[in-house]
């Protein structure tokens, strides 16, 4: 009886420890579900000058799928811009914003021309660009948030394409392209696992 009792107690002990670890892991995952979903829709590009990174950009596509066949919601992105040699004030001026937290609409005079930088979705300019405060609730679950970056909520007109490109162009640093899809991106890749 003693030979049977000791292994049963050991098994019960191991199962109990495993269950508590699994519960802790599941609870930790559930707290970060939104973060991981946003991370799947985040892309990063770097632009170089003399083989040194001068601009790093991140873009997170804020698309939530729904089952409405006539979905005509605008396309929204959170764009993070990290310049090595320019301050936040210059970034605000380059994007056409006049003051922090100001919203720029398509009717604004500065929206049609950005002298040094441009951001397009399928070759169309943004309808609205809003600079986000570092404490903004929308940045809570976004990856790659830093103290020295600037973040913008950028809205483009709805696109029917399931796959599209967001392009950042700079006269000085060149061009960087983000590739996004409304469905899982691996559906469009030809590479095998």
Protein backbone atom coordinates (compact mmCIF):
# COMPACT_ATOMS: atom_id res chain seq x y z
CA UNK A 1 0.00 0.00 0.00
CA UNK A 2 2.87 2.32 0.84
CA UNK A 3 4.42 1.64 -2.60
CA UNK A 4 1.19 2.75 -4.30
CA UNK A 5 0.54 5.75 -2.01
CA UNK A 6 3.86 7.56 -2.53
CA UNK A 7 3.62 7.66 -6.38
CA UNK A 8 -0.01 8.83 -6.17
CA UNK A 9 0.93 11.64 -3.82
CA UNK A 10 3.84 12.62 -6.11
CA UNK A 11 1.57 12.68 -9.18
CA UNK A 12 -1.05 14.74 -7.36
CA UNK A 13 1.64 17.19 -6.25
CA UNK A 14 3.02 17.57 -9.81
CA UNK A 15 -0.46 18.02 -11.29
CA UNK A 16 -1.25 20.68 -8.70
CA UNK A 17 1.94 22.63 -9.44
CA UNK A 18 1.43 22.37 -13.19
CA UNK A 19 -2.13 23.63 -12.92
CA UNK A 20 -1.09 26.71 -10.93
CA UNK A 21 1.65 27.51 -13.47
CA UNK A 22 -0.77 27.07 -16.36
CA UNK A 23 -3.30 29.32 -14.64
CA UNK A 24 -0.64 32.01 -14.15
CA UNK A 25 0.42 31.71 -17.80
CA UNK A 26 -3.17 31.92 -19.06
CA UNK A 27 -3.89 34.91 -16.84
CA UNK A 28 -0.72 36.68 -18.05
CA UNK A 29 -1.67 36.02 -21.68
CA UNK A 30 -5.24 37.27 -21.21
CA UNK A 31 -3.93 40.55 -19.80
CA UNK A 32 -1.86 41.12 -22.97
CA UNK A 33 -4.26 39.83 -25.68
CA UNK A 34 -4.87 43.29 -27.15
CA UNK A 35 -1.13 44.03 -27.17
CA UNK A 36 -0.38 40.82 -29.10
CA UNK A 37 -3.20 41.46 -31.59
CA UNK A 38 -1.82 44.95 -32.26
CA UNK A 39 1.71 43.55 -32.53
CA UNK A 40 0.54 41.30 -35.39
CA UNK A 41 -0.59 44.40 -37.29
CA UNK A 42 2.61 46.42 -36.65
CA UNK A 43 5.40 46.96 -39.18
CA UNK A 44 8.74 48.75 -38.88
CA UNK A 45 11.02 50.35 -41.45
CA UNK A 46 14.35 52.12 -41.18
CA UNK A 47 15.69 54.79 -43.50
CA UNK A 48 19.44 55.24 -43.73
CA UNK A 49 21.93 57.98 -44.51
CA UNK A 50 25.55 56.87 -45.02
CA UNK A 51 24.68 53.39 -43.67
CA UNK A 52 23.42 54.86 -40.39
CA UNK A 53 19.77 54.69 -39.35
CA UNK A 54 18.41 58.23 -39.39
CA UNK A 55 14.66 57.57 -39.27
CA UNK A 56 12.81 54.62 -37.82
CA UNK A 57 9.10 54.39 -38.50
CA UNK A 58 6.51 52.08 -37.04
CA UNK A 59 2.98 51.68 -38.31
CA UNK A 60 0.17 49.82 -36.57
CA UNK A 61 -2.96 49.12 -38.58
CA UNK A 62 -6.02 49.64 -36.35
CA UNK A 63 -8.34 47.33 -38.28
CA UNK A 64 -10.90 45.25 -36.40
CA UNK A 65 -12.52 42.67 -38.69
CA UNK A 66 -16.27 42.49 -38.87
CA UNK A 67 -18.59 40.41 -40.95
CA UNK A 68 -20.34 43.27 -42.72
CA UNK A 69 -19.89 42.83 -46.48
CA UNK A 70 -20.38 46.56 -47.06
CA UNK A 71 -17.72 47.64 -44.57
CA UNK A 72 -16.72 51.19 -45.51
CA UNK A 73 -14.84 52.27 -42.40
CA UNK A 74 -11.85 54.51 -42.98
CA UNK A 75 -8.38 53.01 -42.66
CA UNK A 76 -6.61 54.10 -39.46
CA UNK A 77 -2.98 53.73 -38.47
CA UNK A 78 -0.84 54.79 -35.56
CA UNK A 79 2.45 55.99 -37.01
CA UNK A 80 5.53 56.31 -34.82
CA UNK A 81 8.39 58.45 -36.09
CA UNK A 82 11.83 58.39 -34.49
CA UNK A 83 14.33 60.88 -35.94
CA UNK A 84 17.97 60.72 -34.91
CA UNK A 85 18.77 64.32 -35.77
CA UNK A 86 15.57 66.35 -35.47
CA UNK A 87 13.34 67.26 -32.55
CA UNK A 88 9.63 66.76 -32.03
CA UNK A 89 8.83 70.38 -32.91
CA UNK A 90 10.33 69.93 -36.38
CA UNK A 91 8.36 66.71 -36.90
CA UNK A 92 5.12 68.51 -36.06
CA UNK A 93 5.91 71.19 -38.63
CA UNK A 94 6.90 68.65 -41.30
CA UNK A 95 3.67 66.69 -40.94
CA UNK A 96 1.73 69.93 -41.45
CA UNK A 97 0.51 70.30 -37.86
CA UNK A 98 0.74 73.66 -36.21
CA UNK A 99 0.34 72.77 -32.53
CA UNK A 100 0.51 69.61 -30.45
CA UNK A 101 -2.72 67.57 -30.31
CA UNK A 102 -4.18 69.53 -33.20
CA UNK A 103 -6.15 67.63 -35.81
CA UNK A 104 -5.47 68.33 -39.45
CA UNK A 105 -8.21 67.59 -41.96
CA UNK A 106 -8.15 67.31 -45.73
CA UNK A 107 -9.53 70.84 -45.95
CA UNK A 108 -6.51 72.33 -44.20
CA UNK A 109 -4.14 74.29 -46.40
CA UNK A 110 -0.99 72.40 -45.32
CA UNK A 111 -2.40 68.89 -45.92
CA UNK A 112 -1.92 68.85 -49.67
CA UNK A 113 1.81 69.54 -49.58
CA UNK A 114 4.32 68.20 -47.14
CA UNK A 115 7.60 69.77 -48.24
CA UNK A 116 10.09 67.21 -46.93
CA UNK A 117 8.04 64.14 -46.07
CA UNK A 118 4.99 62.37 -47.42
CA UNK A 119 2.80 59.48 -46.32
CA UNK A 120 0.42 57.77 -48.75
CA UNK A 121 -1.83 54.71 -48.80
CA UNK A 122 -2.13 53.27 -52.29
CA UNK A 123 -0.81 56.62 -53.60
CA UNK A 124 -3.51 58.66 -51.80
CA UNK A 125 -2.79 61.22 -49.08
CA UNK A 126 -4.24 61.04 -45.58
CA UNK A 127 -7.62 62.58 -44.81
CA UNK A 128 -6.69 63.44 -41.24
CA UNK A 129 -3.53 63.41 -39.09
CA UNK A 130 -3.72 63.86 -35.32
CA UNK A 131 -0.65 64.00 -33.10
CA UNK A 132 -1.07 61.78 -30.04
CA UNK A 133 0.11 62.64 -26.55
CA UNK A 134 2.48 60.07 -24.98
CA UNK A 135 -0.20 59.31 -22.36
CA UNK A 136 -2.92 58.72 -24.94
CA UNK A 137 -5.01 55.61 -24.21
CA UNK A 138 -4.66 54.46 -27.85
CA UNK A 139 -0.91 54.00 -27.35
CA UNK A 140 -1.37 51.67 -24.39
CA UNK A 141 -1.35 48.43 -26.43
CA UNK A 142 0.95 49.56 -29.23
CA UNK A 143 4.44 48.07 -29.55
CA UNK A 144 7.63 50.15 -29.83
CA UNK A 145 6.47 53.19 -27.86
CA UNK A 146 9.45 55.28 -26.73
CA UNK A 147 9.94 58.58 -24.96
CA UNK A 148 11.80 60.15 -27.88
CA UNK A 149 9.33 59.23 -30.65
CA UNK A 150 6.34 61.12 -32.00
CA UNK A 151 3.05 59.33 -32.62
CA UNK A 152 0.21 60.19 -34.95
CA UNK A 153 -3.24 58.80 -35.63
CA UNK A 154 -3.46 58.87 -39.43
CA UNK A 155 -6.77 58.30 -41.22
CA UNK A 156 -7.08 57.40 -44.89
CA UNK A 157 -10.17 56.97 -47.02
CA UNK A 158 -11.57 53.41 -47.08
CA UNK A 159 -9.94 51.00 -49.50
CA UNK A 160 -11.62 47.90 -50.89
CA UNK A 161 -8.26 46.16 -51.32
CA UNK A 162 -7.54 43.31 -48.94
CA UNK A 163 -3.80 43.97 -49.29
CA UNK A 164 -2.21 47.41 -49.60
CA UNK A 165 0.94 49.47 -49.05
CA UNK A 166 1.57 52.45 -46.83
CA UNK A 167 4.50 54.46 -48.22
CA UNK A 168 6.63 57.02 -46.39
CA UNK A 169 8.75 59.18 -48.72
CA UNK A 170 11.43 61.67 -47.87
CA UNK A 171 13.44 63.85 -50.23
CA UNK A 172 16.50 63.44 -48.04
CA UNK A 173 16.25 59.81 -46.84
CA UNK A 174 14.38 57.97 -49.58
CA UNK A 175 11.33 55.75 -49.44
CA UNK A 176 10.07 53.06 -47.08
CA UNK A 177 7.09 50.78 -47.66
CA UNK A 178 4.86 49.06 -45.10
CA UNK A 179 2.79 46.11 -46.35
CA UNK A 180 -0.55 45.49 -44.67
CA UNK A 181 -3.54 43.22 -45.19
CA UNK A 182 -7.05 43.07 -43.79
CA UNK A 183 -6.66 39.32 -43.39
CA UNK A 184 -3.65 37.33 -42.20
CA UNK A 185 -0.63 38.43 -44.25
CA UNK A 186 0.71 34.90 -44.67
CA UNK A 187 -2.17 34.24 -47.08
CA UNK A 188 -0.44 36.54 -49.58
CA UNK A 189 3.12 35.30 -49.15
CA UNK A 190 4.51 32.67 -51.48
CA UNK A 191 7.30 31.58 -49.18
CA UNK A 192 6.96 28.22 -47.46
CA UNK A 193 7.48 27.61 -43.80
